[in-house]
Amino acid sequence: MSVTQQKYQTFATSLEALREYTTTAGVDAPKLRQRAASLQEFYQQQILPLANQDTESQNQGRILSLQTEISKQLRLLELDVTFFAGARVATTAQARLQTIENRITTLLRYCNAILENL
């Protein structure tokens, strides 16, 4: 397994852990925000610098496209977490958590697609 694959696998594992956390009772907004921020930081510092490594030329465009989508989804996840933290009604908070879970699922799909193309 290449370094790039290992980094993406670590990223996917972190996404799974975050999704699992969002399904537990009593999700803490500051802790959720911190976990999402550290996930984004890991992606920016550990994965993006590896761009264009370990890729065959025919897959490079697809991988760059997926990386762009991951970056966008991570920014949207940050907004989702902010909206969750601002929710004052339990049903709204639950709806925000569902949105966060859906966002994480999307991120996992993109991450797995990249792993398949490496």
PDB file of N, CA and C in Angstrom:
ATOM      1  N   MET A   1       0.852  -1.190   0.000  1.00  0.00           N
ATOM      2  CA  MET A   1       0.000   0.000   0.000  1.00  0.00           C
ATOM      3  C   MET A   1       0.889   1.242   0.000  1.00  0.00           C
ATOM      4  N   SER A   2       0.595   2.161  -0.890  1.00  0.00           N
ATOM      5  CA  SER A   2       1.394   3.379  -0.998  1.00  0.00           C
ATOM      6  C   SER A   2       1.084   4.345   0.153  1.00  0.00           C
ATOM      7  N   VAL A   3       1.934   5.341   0.291  1.00  0.00           N
ATOM      8  CA  VAL A   3       1.736   6.362   1.324  1.00  0.00           C
ATOM      9  C   VAL A   3       0.401   7.080   1.105  1.00  0.00           C
ATOM     10  N   THR A   4       0.113   7.394  -0.148  1.00  0.00           N
ATOM     11  CA  THR A   4      -1.139   8.085  -0.470  1.00  0.00           C
ATOM     12  C   THR A   4      -2.338   7.230  -0.081  1.00  0.00           C
ATOM     13  N   GLN A   5      -2.288   5.946  -0.398  1.00  0.00           N
ATOM     14  CA  GLN A   5      -3.383   5.052  -0.035  1.00  0.00           C
ATOM     15  C   GLN A   5      -3.546   4.969   1.478  1.00  0.00           C
ATOM     16  N   GLN A   6      -2.427   4.916   2.194  1.00  0.00           N
ATOM     17  CA  GLN A   6      -2.484   4.862   3.657  1.00  0.00           C
ATOM     18  C   GLN A   6      -3.136   6.121   4.223  1.00  0.00           C
ATOM     19  N   LYS A   7      -2.783   7.266   3.661  1.00  0.00           N
ATOM     20  CA  LYS A   7      -3.356   8.533   4.142  1.00  0.00           C
ATOM     21  C   LYS A   7      -4.861   8.567   3.898  1.00  0.00           C
ATOM     22  N   TYR A   8      -5.272   8.146   2.702  1.00  0.00           N
ATOM     23  CA  TYR A   8      -6.710   8.123   2.409  1.00  0.00           C
ATOM     24  C   TYR A   8      -7.438   7.108   3.283  1.00  0.00           C
ATOM     25  N   GLN A   9      -6.786   5.993   3.580  1.00  0.00           N
ATOM     26  CA  GLN A   9      -7.401   4.993   4.453  1.00  0.00           C
ATOM     27  C   GLN A   9      -7.568   5.556   5.860  1.00  0.00           C
ATOM     28  N   THR A  10      -6.573   6.283   6.342  1.00  0.00           N
ATOM     29  CA  THR A  10      -6.662   6.934   7.650  1.00  0.00           C
ATOM     30  C   THR A  10      -7.782   7.966   7.643  1.00  0.00           C
ATOM     31  N   PHE A  11      -7.880   8.716   6.562  1.00  0.00           N
ATOM     32  CA  PHE A  11      -8.936   9.717   6.417  1.00  0.00           C
ATOM     33  C   PHE A  11     -10.312   9.051   6.443  1.00  0.00           C
ATOM     34  N   ALA A  12     -10.460   7.943   5.721  1.00  0.00           N
ATOM     35  CA  ALA A  12     -11.737   7.214   5.693  1.00  0.00           C
ATOM     36  C   ALA A  12     -12.085   6.676   7.075  1.00  0.00           C
ATOM     37  N   THR A  13     -11.098   6.175   7.792  1.00  0.00           N
ATOM     38  CA  THR A  13     -11.326   5.665   9.147  1.00  0.00           C
ATOM     39  C   THR A  13     -11.776   6.796  10.068  1.00  0.00           C
ATOM     40  N   SER A  14     -11.174   7.962   9.923  1.00  0.00           N
ATOM     41  CA  SER A  14     -11.563   9.129  10.726  1.00  0.00           C
ATOM     42  C   SER A  14     -12.988   9.572  10.390  1.00  0.00           C
ATOM     43  N   LEU A  15     -13.346   9.503   9.123  1.00  0.00           N
ATOM     44  CA  LEU A  15     -14.715   9.838   8.714  1.00  0.00           C
ATOM     45  C   LEU A  15     -15.717   8.875   9.344  1.00  0.00           C
ATOM     46  N   GLU A  16     -15.379   7.597   9.318  1.00  0.00           N
ATOM     47  CA  GLU A  16     -16.257   6.584   9.929  1.00  0.00           C
ATOM     48  C   GLU A  16     -16.431   6.858  11.430  1.00  0.00           C
ATOM     49  N   ALA A  17     -15.336   7.195  12.093  1.00  0.00           N
ATOM     50  CA  ALA A  17     -15.398   7.486  13.525  1.00  0.00           C
ATOM     51  C   ALA A  17     -16.269   8.713  13.791  1.00  0.00           C
ATOM     52  N   LEU A  18     -16.159   9.720  12.940  1.00  0.00           N
ATOM     53  CA  LEU A  18     -16.982  10.919  13.099  1.00  0.00           C
ATOM     54  C   LEU A  18     -18.454  10.592  12.873  1.00  0.00           C
ATOM     55  N   ARG A  19     -18.733   9.787  11.847  1.00  0.00           N
ATOM     56  CA  ARG A  19     -20.123   9.404  11.584  1.00  0.00           C
ATOM     57  C   ARG A  19     -20.691   8.617  12.760  1.00  0.00           C
ATOM     58  N   GLU A  20     -19.884   7.735  13.306  1.00  0.00           N
ATOM     59  CA  GLU A  20     -20.320   6.957  14.465  1.00  0.00           C
ATOM     60  C   GLU A  20     -20.609   7.875  15.648  1.00  0.00           C
ATOM     61  N   TYR A  21     -19.760   8.879  15.842  1.00  0.00           N
ATOM     62  CA  TYR A  21     -19.958   9.826  16.940  1.00  0.00           C
ATOM     63  C   TYR A  21     -21.287  10.573  16.786  1.00  0.00           C
ATOM     64  N   THR A  22     -21.648  10.918  15.548  1.00  0.00           N
ATOM     65  CA  THR A  22     -22.881  11.681  15.339  1.00  0.00           C
ATOM     66  C   THR A  22     -24.130  10.850  15.627  1.00  0.00           C
ATOM     67  N   THR A  23     -23.981   9.541  15.701  1.00  0.00           N
ATOM     68  CA  THR A  23     -25.139   8.695  15.979  1.00  0.00           C
ATOM     69  C   THR A  23     -25.285   8.387  17.471  1.00  0.00           C
ATOM     70  N   THR A  24     -24.347   8.824  18.286  1.00  0.00           N
ATOM     71  CA  THR A  24     -24.448   8.580  19.719  1.00  0.00           C
ATOM     72  C   THR A  24     -25.362   9.618  20.364  1.00  0.00           C
ATOM     73  N   ALA A  25     -25.906   9.240  21.493  1.00  0.00           N
ATOM     74  CA  ALA A  25     -26.767  10.172  22.223  1.00  0.00           C
ATOM     75  C   ALA A  25     -25.901  11.250  22.868  1.00  0.00           C
ATOM     76  N   GLY A  26     -26.428  12.451  22.918  1.00  0.00           N
ATOM     77  CA  GLY A  26     -25.723  13.542  23.581  1.00  0.00           C
ATOM     78  C   GLY A  26     -24.501  14.039  22.840  1.00  0.00           C
ATOM     79  N   VAL A  27     -24.631  14.253  21.542  1.00  0.00           N
ATOM     80  CA  VAL A  27     -23.513  14.790  20.768  1.00  0.00           C
ATOM     81  C   VAL A  27     -23.196  16.191  21.267  1.00  0.00           C
ATOM     82  N   ASP A  28     -21.941  16.426  21.552  1.00  0.00           N
ATOM     83  CA  ASP A  28     -21.478  17.703  22.073  1.00  0.00           C
ATOM     84  C   ASP A  28     -21.014  18.578  20.903  1.00  0.00           C
ATOM     85  N   ALA A  29     -21.661  19.725  20.709  1.00  0.00           N
ATOM     86  CA  ALA A  29     -21.351  20.591  19.567  1.00  0.00           C
ATOM     87  C   ALA A  29     -19.883  21.034  19.521  1.00  0.00           C
ATOM     88  N   PRO A  30     -19.290  21.492  20.630  1.00  0.00           N
ATOM     89  CA  PRO A  30     -17.868  21.885  20.555  1.00  0.00           C
ATOM     90  C   PRO A  30     -16.950  20.714  20.186  1.00  0.00           C
ATOM     91  N   LYS A  31     -17.246  19.538  20.716  1.00  0.00           N
ATOM     92  CA  LYS A  31     -16.426  18.370  20.397  1.00  0.00           C
ATOM     93  C   LYS A  31     -16.611  17.981  18.921  1.00  0.00           C
ATOM     94  N   LEU A  32     -17.838  18.069  18.437  1.00  0.00           N
ATOM     95  CA  LEU A  32     -18.115  17.770  17.036  1.00  0.00           C
ATOM     96  C   LEU A  32     -17.378  18.754  16.136  1.00  0.00           C
ATOM     97  N   ARG A  33     -17.401  20.024  16.502  1.00  0.00           N
ATOM     98  CA  ARG A  33     -16.701  21.053  15.733  1.00  0.00           C
ATOM     99  C   ARG A  33     -15.200  20.786  15.717  1.00  0.00           C
ATOM    100  N   GLN A  34     -14.650  20.408  16.858  1.00  0.00           N
ATOM    101  CA  GLN A  34     -13.216  20.131  16.948  1.00  0.00           C
ATOM    102  C   GLN A  34     -12.836  18.930  16.084  1.00  0.00           C
ATOM    103  N   ARG A  35     -13.662  17.880  16.132  1.00  0.00           N
ATOM    104  CA  ARG A  35     -13.379  16.687  15.327  1.00  0.00           C
ATOM    105  C   ARG A  35     -13.452  16.991  13.835  1.00  0.00           C
ATOM    106  N   ALA A  36     -14.435  17.753  13.423  1.00  0.00           N
ATOM    107  CA  ALA A  36     -14.572  18.119  12.009  1.00  0.00           C
ATOM    108  C   ALA A  36     -13.394  18.986  11.569  1.00  0.00           C
ATOM    109  N   ALA A  37     -12.974  19.906  12.423  1.00  0.00           N
ATOM    110  CA  ALA A  37     -11.841  20.782  12.091  1.00  0.00           C
ATOM    111  C   ALA A  37     -10.545  19.979  11.982  1.00  0.00           C
ATOM    112  N   SER A  38     -10.338  19.018  12.863  1.00  0.00           N
ATOM    113  CA  SER A  38      -9.112  18.224  12.794  1.00  0.00           C
ATOM    114  C   SER A  38      -9.121  17.331  11.560  1.00  0.00           C
ATOM    115  N   LEU A  39     -10.306  16.896  11.144  1.00  0.00           N
ATOM    116  CA  LEU A  39     -10.433  16.112   9.916  1.00  0.00           C
ATOM    117  C   LEU A  39     -10.036  16.953   8.704  1.00  0.00           C
ATOM    118  N   GLN A  40     -10.533  18.175   8.658  1.00  0.00           N
ATOM    119  CA  GLN A  40     -10.196  19.073   7.555  1.00  0.00           C
ATOM    120  C   GLN A  40      -8.703  19.407   7.563  1.00  0.00           C
ATOM    121  N   GLU A  41      -8.169  19.620   8.741  1.00  0.00           N
ATOM    122  CA  GLU A  41      -6.736  19.921   8.872  1.00  0.00           C
ATOM    123  C   GLU A  41      -5.891  18.744   8.382  1.00  0.00           C
ATOM    124  N   PHE A  42      -6.280  17.528   8.762  1.00  0.00           N
ATOM    125  CA  PHE A  42      -5.560  16.336   8.304  1.00  0.00           C
ATOM    126  C   PHE A  42      -5.573  16.265   6.783  1.00  0.00           C
ATOM    127  N   TYR A  43      -6.735  16.503   6.196  1.00  0.00           N
ATOM    128  CA  TYR A  43      -6.853  16.436   4.740  1.00  0.00           C
ATOM    129  C   TYR A  43      -5.946  17.473   4.075  1.00  0.00           C
ATOM    130  N   GLN A  44      -5.979  18.684   4.579  1.00  0.00           N
ATOM    131  CA  GLN A  44      -5.187  19.753   3.966  1.00  0.00           C
ATOM    132  C   GLN A  44      -3.687  19.552   4.157  1.00  0.00           C
ATOM    133  N   GLN A  45      -3.281  19.062   5.315  1.00  0.00           N
ATOM    134  CA  GLN A  45      -1.851  18.953   5.600  1.00  0.00           C
ATOM    135  C   GLN A  45      -1.230  17.630   5.168  1.00  0.00           C
ATOM    136  N   GLN A  46      -2.005  16.547   5.226  1.00  0.00           N
ATOM    137  CA  GLN A  46      -1.439  15.230   4.965  1.00  0.00           C
ATOM    138  C   GLN A  46      -1.760  14.675   3.572  1.00  0.00           C
ATOM    139  N   ILE A  47      -2.917  15.016   3.030  1.00  0.00           N
ATOM    140  CA  ILE A  47      -3.343  14.408   1.764  1.00  0.00           C
ATOM    141  C   ILE A  47      -3.115  15.319   0.566  1.00  0.00           C
ATOM    142  N   LEU A  48      -3.545  16.562   0.660  1.00  0.00           N
ATOM    143  CA  LEU A  48      -3.395  17.458  -0.498  1.00  0.00           C
ATOM    144  C   LEU A  48      -1.952  17.609  -0.976  1.00  0.00           C
ATOM    145  N   PRO A  49      -0.958  17.661  -0.080  1.00  0.00           N
ATOM    146  CA  PRO A  49       0.430  17.748  -0.576  1.00  0.00           C
ATOM    147  C   PRO A  49       0.856  16.516  -1.389  1.00  0.00           C
ATOM    148  N   LEU A  50       0.147  15.400  -1.219  1.00  0.00           N
ATOM    149  CA  LEU A  50       0.489  14.185  -1.954  1.00  0.00           C
ATOM    150  C   LEU A  50      -0.167  14.134  -3.334  1.00  0.00           C
ATOM    151  N   ALA A  51      -0.908  15.172  -3.676  1.00  0.00           N
ATOM    152  CA  ALA A  51      -1.599  15.190  -4.971  1.00  0.00           C
ATOM    153  C   ALA A  51      -0.611  14.909  -6.093  1.00  0.00           C
ATOM    154  N   ASN A  52      -1.085  14.186  -7.074  1.00  0.00           N
ATOM    155  CA  ASN A  52      -0.308  13.820  -8.263  1.00  0.00           C
ATOM    156  C   ASN A  52       0.728  12.728  -8.017  1.00  0.00           C
ATOM    157  N   GLN A  53       0.750  12.172  -6.825  1.00  0.00           N
ATOM    158  CA  GLN A  53       1.649  11.048  -6.564  1.00  0.00           C
ATOM    159  C   GLN A  53       0.835   9.759  -6.641  1.00  0.00           C
ATOM    160  N   ASP A  54       1.484   8.698  -6.984  1.00  0.00           N
ATOM    161  CA  ASP A  54       0.879   7.366  -7.017  1.00  0.00           C
ATOM    162  C   ASP A  54      -0.342   7.265  -7.913  1.00  0.00           C
ATOM    163  N   THR A  55      -0.437   8.104  -8.917  1.00  0.00           N
ATOM    164  CA  THR A  55      -1.586   8.030  -9.819  1.00  0.00           C
ATOM    165  C   THR A  55      -1.121   7.783 -11.238  1.00  0.00           C
ATOM    166  N   GLU A  56      -1.884   6.991 -11.919  1.00  0.00           N
ATOM    167  CA  GLU A  56      -1.613   6.788 -13.333  1.00  0.00           C
ATOM    168  C   GLU A  56      -2.214   7.979 -14.075  1.00  0.00           C
ATOM    169  N   SER A  57      -1.638   8.317 -15.203  1.00  0.00           N
ATOM    170  CA  SER A  57      -2.061   9.521 -15.923  1.00  0.00           C
ATOM    171  C   SER A  57      -3.542   9.490 -16.308  1.00  0.00           C
ATOM    172  N   GLN A  58      -4.092   8.312 -16.619  1.00  0.00           N
ATOM    173  CA  GLN A  58      -5.499   8.258 -17.023  1.00  0.00           C
ATOM    174  C   GLN A  58      -6.443   8.526 -15.848  1.00  0.00           C
ATOM    175  N   ASN A  59      -5.998   8.286 -14.629  1.00  0.00           N
ATOM    176  CA  ASN A  59      -6.855   8.497 -13.460  1.00  0.00           C
ATOM    177  C   ASN A  59      -6.633   9.842 -12.785  1.00  0.00           C
ATOM    178  N   GLN A  60      -5.602  10.545 -13.177  1.00  0.00           N
ATOM    179  CA  GLN A  60      -5.222  11.774 -12.486  1.00  0.00           C
ATOM    180  C   GLN A  60      -6.330  12.826 -12.515  1.00  0.00           C
ATOM    181  N   GLY A  61      -6.958  13.021 -13.659  1.00  0.00           N
ATOM    182  CA  GLY A  61      -8.037  14.009 -13.758  1.00  0.00           C
ATOM    183  C   GLY A  61      -9.200  13.669 -12.852  1.00  0.00           C
ATOM    184  N   ARG A  62      -9.563  12.387 -12.823  1.00  0.00           N
ATOM    185  CA  ARG A  62     -10.666  11.943 -11.956  1.00  0.00           C
ATOM    186  C   ARG A  62     -10.317  12.159 -10.481  1.00  0.00           C
ATOM    187  N   ILE A  63      -9.105  11.820 -10.111  1.00  0.00           N
ATOM    188  CA  ILE A  63      -8.689  11.980  -8.707  1.00  0.00           C
ATOM    189  C   ILE A  63      -8.676  13.451  -8.319  1.00  0.00           C
ATOM    190  N   LEU A  64      -8.161  14.316  -9.191  1.00  0.00           N
ATOM    191  CA  LEU A  64      -8.154  15.754  -8.884  1.00  0.00           C
ATOM    192  C   LEU A  64      -9.581  16.283  -8.739  1.00  0.00           C
ATOM    193  N   SER A  65     -10.471  15.791  -9.560  1.00  0.00           N
ATOM    194  CA  SER A  65     -11.877  16.186  -9.479  1.00  0.00           C
ATOM    195  C   SER A  65     -12.479  15.741  -8.149  1.00  0.00           C
ATOM    196  N   LEU A  66     -12.181  14.514  -7.747  1.00  0.00           N
ATOM    197  CA  LEU A  66     -12.691  14.005  -6.466  1.00  0.00           C
ATOM    198  C   LEU A  66     -12.093  14.770  -5.292  1.00  0.00           C
ATOM    199  N   GLN A  67     -10.823  15.132  -5.391  1.00  0.00           N
ATOM    200  CA  GLN A  67     -10.191  15.912  -4.318  1.00  0.00           C
ATOM    201  C   GLN A  67     -10.858  17.273  -4.179  1.00  0.00           C
ATOM    202  N   THR A  68     -11.222  17.877  -5.299  1.00  0.00           N
ATOM    203  CA  THR A  68     -11.926  19.157  -5.264  1.00  0.00           C
ATOM    204  C   THR A  68     -13.273  18.995  -4.565  1.00  0.00           C
ATOM    205  N   GLU A  69     -13.973  17.923  -4.878  1.00  0.00           N
ATOM    206  CA  GLU A  69     -15.269  17.660  -4.244  1.00  0.00           C
ATOM    207  C   GLU A  69     -15.112  17.411  -2.747  1.00  0.00           C
ATOM    208  N   ILE A  70     -14.073  16.688  -2.362  1.00  0.00           N
ATOM    209  CA  ILE A  70     -13.831  16.439  -0.938  1.00  0.00           C
ATOM    210  C   ILE A  70     -13.580  17.761  -0.215  1.00  0.00           C
ATOM    211  N   SER A  71     -12.770  18.621  -0.799  1.00  0.00           N
ATOM    212  CA  SER A  71     -12.496  19.925  -0.178  1.00  0.00           C
ATOM    213  C   SER A  71     -13.789  20.715   0.007  1.00  0.00           C
ATOM    214  N   LYS A  72     -14.630  20.711  -1.018  1.00  0.00           N
ATOM    215  CA  LYS A  72     -15.910  21.423  -0.951  1.00  0.00           C
ATOM    216  C   LYS A  72     -16.814  20.818   0.129  1.00  0.00           C
ATOM    217  N   GLN A  73     -16.899  19.497   0.161  1.00  0.00           N
ATOM    218  CA  GLN A  73     -17.753  18.836   1.148  1.00  0.00           C
ATOM    219  C   GLN A  73     -17.251  19.064   2.576  1.00  0.00           C
ATOM    220  N   LEU A  74     -15.942  19.153   2.750  1.00  0.00           N
ATOM    221  CA  LEU A  74     -15.396  19.437   4.081  1.00  0.00           C
ATOM    222  C   LEU A  74     -15.782  20.840   4.542  1.00  0.00           C
ATOM    223  N   ARG A  75     -15.767  21.789   3.620  1.00  0.00           N
ATOM    224  CA  ARG A  75     -16.195  23.154   3.974  1.00  0.00           C
ATOM    225  C   ARG A  75     -17.685  23.171   4.323  1.00  0.00           C
ATOM    226  N   LEU A  76     -18.479  22.433   3.551  1.00  0.00           N
ATOM    227  CA  LEU A  76     -19.910  22.354   3.844  1.00  0.00           C
ATOM    228  C   LEU A  76     -20.171  21.641   5.174  1.00  0.00           C
ATOM    229  N   LEU A  77     -19.350  20.642   5.483  1.00  0.00           N
ATOM    230  CA  LEU A  77     -19.474  19.954   6.764  1.00  0.00           C
ATOM    231  C   LEU A  77     -19.240  20.932   7.914  1.00  0.00           C
ATOM    232  N   GLU A  78     -18.270  21.793   7.738  1.00  0.00           N
ATOM    233  CA  GLU A  78     -17.985  22.813   8.751  1.00  0.00           C
ATOM    234  C   GLU A  78     -19.210  23.705   8.974  1.00  0.00           C
ATOM    235  N   LEU A  79     -19.869  24.086   7.886  1.00  0.00           N
ATOM    236  CA  LEU A  79     -21.099  24.882   8.000  1.00  0.00           C
ATOM    237  C   LEU A  79     -22.220  24.093   8.673  1.00  0.00           C
ATOM    238  N   ASP A  80     -22.351  22.824   8.302  1.00  0.00           N
ATOM    239  CA  ASP A  80     -23.376  21.972   8.915  1.00  0.00           C
ATOM    240  C   ASP A  80     -23.179  21.877  10.423  1.00  0.00           C
ATOM    241  N   VAL A  81     -21.930  21.737  10.835  1.00  0.00           N
ATOM    242  CA  VAL A  81     -21.631  21.646  12.268  1.00  0.00           C
ATOM    243  C   VAL A  81     -21.972  22.964  12.957  1.00  0.00           C
ATOM    244  N   THR A  82     -21.697  24.075  12.309  1.00  0.00           N
ATOM    245  CA  THR A  82     -22.046  25.384  12.861  1.00  0.00           C
ATOM    246  C   THR A  82     -23.560  25.513  13.022  1.00  0.00           C
ATOM    247  N   PHE A  83     -24.302  25.084  12.007  1.00  0.00           N
ATOM    248  CA  PHE A  83     -25.761  25.123  12.099  1.00  0.00           C
ATOM    249  C   PHE A  83     -26.278  24.207  13.206  1.00  0.00           C
ATOM    250  N   PHE A  84     -25.640  23.043  13.363  1.00  0.00           N
ATOM    251  CA  PHE A  84     -26.024  22.134  14.447  1.00  0.00           C
ATOM    252  C   PHE A  84     -25.806  22.803  15.802  1.00  0.00           C
ATOM    253  N   ALA A  85     -24.659  23.463  15.946  1.00  0.00           N
ATOM    254  CA  ALA A  85     -24.347  24.120  17.219  1.00  0.00           C
ATOM    255  C   ALA A  85     -25.351  25.219  17.531  1.00  0.00           C
ATOM    256  N   GLY A  86     -25.907  25.839  16.506  1.00  0.00           N
ATOM    257  CA  GLY A  86     -26.867  26.916  16.705  1.00  0.00           C
ATOM    258  C   GLY A  86     -28.302  26.457  16.877  1.00  0.00           C
ATOM    259  N   ALA A  87     -28.546  25.174  16.693  1.00  0.00           N
ATOM    260  CA  ALA A  87     -29.916  24.656  16.801  1.00  0.00           C
ATOM    261  C   ALA A  87     -30.386  24.707  18.245  1.00  0.00           C
ATOM    262  N   ARG A  88     -31.571  25.274  18.458  1.00  0.00           N
ATOM    263  CA  ARG A  88     -32.117  25.409  19.815  1.00  0.00           C
ATOM    264  C   ARG A  88     -33.247  24.426  20.100  1.00  0.00           C
ATOM    265  N   VAL A  89     -33.796  23.852  19.049  1.00  0.00           N
ATOM    266  CA  VAL A  89     -34.909  22.914  19.194  1.00  0.00           C
ATOM    267  C   VAL A  89     -34.394  21.510  18.886  1.00  0.00           C
ATOM    268  N   ALA A  90     -34.813  20.525  19.654  1.00  0.00           N
ATOM    269  CA  ALA A  90     -34.309  19.164  19.507  1.00  0.00           C
ATOM    270  C   ALA A  90     -34.530  18.600  18.102  1.00  0.00           C
ATOM    271  N   THR A  91     -35.693  18.878  17.526  1.00  0.00           N
ATOM    272  CA  THR A  91     -35.956  18.338  16.184  1.00  0.00           C
ATOM    273  C   THR A  91     -35.039  18.970  15.145  1.00  0.00           C
ATOM    274  N   THR A  92     -34.745  20.239  15.315  1.00  0.00           N
ATOM    275  CA  THR A  92     -33.822  20.917  14.400  1.00  0.00           C
ATOM    276  C   THR A  92     -32.419  20.330  14.550  1.00  0.00           C
ATOM    277  N   ALA A  93     -32.005  20.129  15.791  1.00  0.00           N
ATOM    278  CA  ALA A  93     -30.685  19.553  16.046  1.00  0.00           C
ATOM    279  C   ALA A  93     -30.588  18.160  15.418  1.00  0.00           C
ATOM    280  N   GLN A  94     -31.644  17.377  15.544  1.00  0.00           N
ATOM    281  CA  GLN A  94     -31.647  16.032  14.965  1.00  0.00           C
ATOM    282  C   GLN A  94     -31.567  16.085  13.436  1.00  0.00           C
ATOM    283  N   ALA A  95     -32.290  17.024  12.855  1.00  0.00           N
ATOM    284  CA  ALA A  95     -32.233  17.192  11.395  1.00  0.00           C
ATOM    285  C   ALA A  95     -30.830  17.608  10.951  1.00  0.00           C
ATOM    286  N   ARG A  96     -30.193  18.476  11.731  1.00  0.00           N
ATOM    287  CA  ARG A  96     -28.823  18.912  11.407  1.00  0.00           C
ATOM    288  C   ARG A  96     -27.854  17.736  11.504  1.00  0.00           C
ATOM    289  N   LEU A  97     -28.036  16.884  12.506  1.00  0.00           N
ATOM    290  CA  LEU A  97     -27.177  15.708  12.640  1.00  0.00           C
ATOM    291  C   LEU A  97     -27.350  14.768  11.448  1.00  0.00           C
ATOM    292  N   GLN A  98     -28.585  14.633  10.984  1.00  0.00           N
ATOM    293  CA  GLN A  98     -28.835  13.788   9.812  1.00  0.00           C
ATOM    294  C   GLN A  98     -28.122  14.363   8.589  1.00  0.00           C
ATOM    295  N   THR A  99     -28.151  15.669   8.448  1.00  0.00           N
ATOM    296  CA  THR A  99     -27.445  16.324   7.343  1.00  0.00           C
ATOM    297  C   THR A  99     -25.949  16.062   7.443  1.00  0.00           C
ATOM    298  N   ILE A 100     -25.416  16.132   8.652  1.00  0.00           N
ATOM    299  CA  ILE A 100     -23.990  15.874   8.882  1.00  0.00           C
ATOM    300  C   ILE A 100     -23.655  14.429   8.508  1.00  0.00           C
ATOM    301  N   GLU A 101     -24.493  13.485   8.934  1.00  0.00           N
ATOM    302  CA  GLU A 101     -24.263  12.081   8.592  1.00  0.00           C
ATOM    303  C   GLU A 101     -24.268  11.878   7.080  1.00  0.00           C
ATOM    304  N   ASN A 102     -25.217  12.514   6.393  1.00  0.00           N
ATOM    305  CA  ASN A 102     -25.281  12.408   4.930  1.00  0.00           C
ATOM    306  C   ASN A 102     -24.026  12.989   4.280  1.00  0.00           C
ATOM    307  N   ARG A 103     -23.548  14.098   4.817  1.00  0.00           N
ATOM    308  CA  ARG A 103     -22.339  14.734   4.290  1.00  0.00           C
ATOM    309  C   ARG A 103     -21.142  13.797   4.471  1.00  0.00           C
ATOM    310  N   ILE A 104     -21.045  13.167   5.624  1.00  0.00           N
ATOM    311  CA  ILE A 104     -19.935  12.243   5.885  1.00  0.00           C
ATOM    312  C   ILE A 104     -20.014  11.038   4.946  1.00  0.00           C
ATOM    313  N   THR A 105     -21.224  10.553   4.699  1.00  0.00           N
ATOM    314  CA  THR A 105     -21.402   9.440   3.761  1.00  0.00           C
ATOM    315  C   THR A 105     -20.913   9.829   2.369  1.00  0.00           C
ATOM    316  N   THR A 106     -21.227  11.036   1.948  1.00  0.00           N
ATOM    317  CA  THR A 106     -20.757  11.538   0.652  1.00  0.00           C
ATOM    318  C   THR A 106     -19.228  11.599   0.630  1.00  0.00           C
ATOM    319  N   LEU A 107     -18.643  12.107   1.694  1.00  0.00           N
ATOM    320  CA  LEU A 107     -17.182  12.177   1.779  1.00  0.00           C
ATOM    321  C   LEU A 107     -16.565  10.782   1.695  1.00  0.00           C
ATOM    322  N   LEU A 108     -17.184   9.823   2.356  1.00  0.00           N
ATOM    323  CA  LEU A 108     -16.670   8.449   2.304  1.00  0.00           C
ATOM    324  C   LEU A 108     -16.751   7.875   0.890  1.00  0.00           C
ATOM    325  N   ARG A 109     -17.827   8.176   0.185  1.00  0.00           N
ATOM    326  CA  ARG A 109     -17.952   7.706  -1.201  1.00  0.00           C
ATOM    327  C   ARG A 109     -16.826   8.281  -2.060  1.00  0.00           C
ATOM    328  N   TYR A 110     -16.552   9.560  -1.907  1.00  0.00           N
ATOM    329  CA  TYR A 110     -15.474  10.192  -2.675  1.00  0.00           C
ATOM    330  C   TYR A 110     -14.119   9.589  -2.302  1.00  0.00           C
ATOM    331  N   CYS A 111     -13.910   9.395  -1.020  1.00  0.00           N
ATOM    332  CA  CYS A 111     -12.642   8.823  -0.541  1.00  0.00           C
ATOM    333  C   CYS A 111     -12.455   7.414  -1.094  1.00  0.00           C
ATOM    334  N   ASN A 112     -13.496   6.608  -1.060  1.00  0.00           N
ATOM    335  CA  ASN A 112     -13.402   5.242  -1.593  1.00  0.00           C
ATOM    336  C   ASN A 112     -13.181   5.249  -3.093  1.00  0.00           C
ATOM    337  N   ALA A 113     -13.777   6.203  -3.796  1.00  0.00           N
ATOM    338  CA  ALA A 113     -13.569   6.310  -5.244  1.00  0.00           C
ATOM    339  C   ALA A 113     -12.101   6.627  -5.545  1.00  0.00           C
ATOM    340  N   ILE A 114     -11.509   7.487  -4.744  1.00  0.00           N
ATOM    341  CA  ILE A 114     -10.092   7.804  -4.942  1.00  0.00           C
ATOM    342  C   ILE A 114      -9.233   6.565  -4.675  1.00  0.00           C
ATOM    343  N   LEU A 115      -9.537   5.848  -3.604  1.00  0.00           N
ATOM    344  CA  LEU A 115      -8.772   4.637  -3.285  1.00  0.00           C
ATOM    345  C   LEU A 115      -8.851   3.613  -4.424  1.00  0.00           C
ATOM    346  N   GLU A 116     -10.000   3.531  -5.075  1.00  0.00           N
ATOM    347  CA  GLU A 116     -10.160   2.608  -6.194  1.00  0.00           C
ATOM    348  C   GLU A 116      -9.343   3.047  -7.415  1.00  0.00           C
ATOM    349  N   ASN A 117      -9.095   4.341  -7.537  1.00  0.00           N
ATOM    350  CA  ASN A 117      -8.366   4.860  -8.695  1.00  0.00           C
ATOM    351  C   ASN A 117      -6.878   5.020  -8.480  1.00  0.00           C
ATOM    352  N   LEU A 118      -6.417   4.779  -7.271  1.00  0.00           N
ATOM    353  CA  LEU A 118      -4.976   4.908  -7.008  1.00  0.00           C
ATOM    354  C   LEU A 118      -4.235   3.668  -7.485  1.00  0.00           C
TER     355      LEU A 118
END
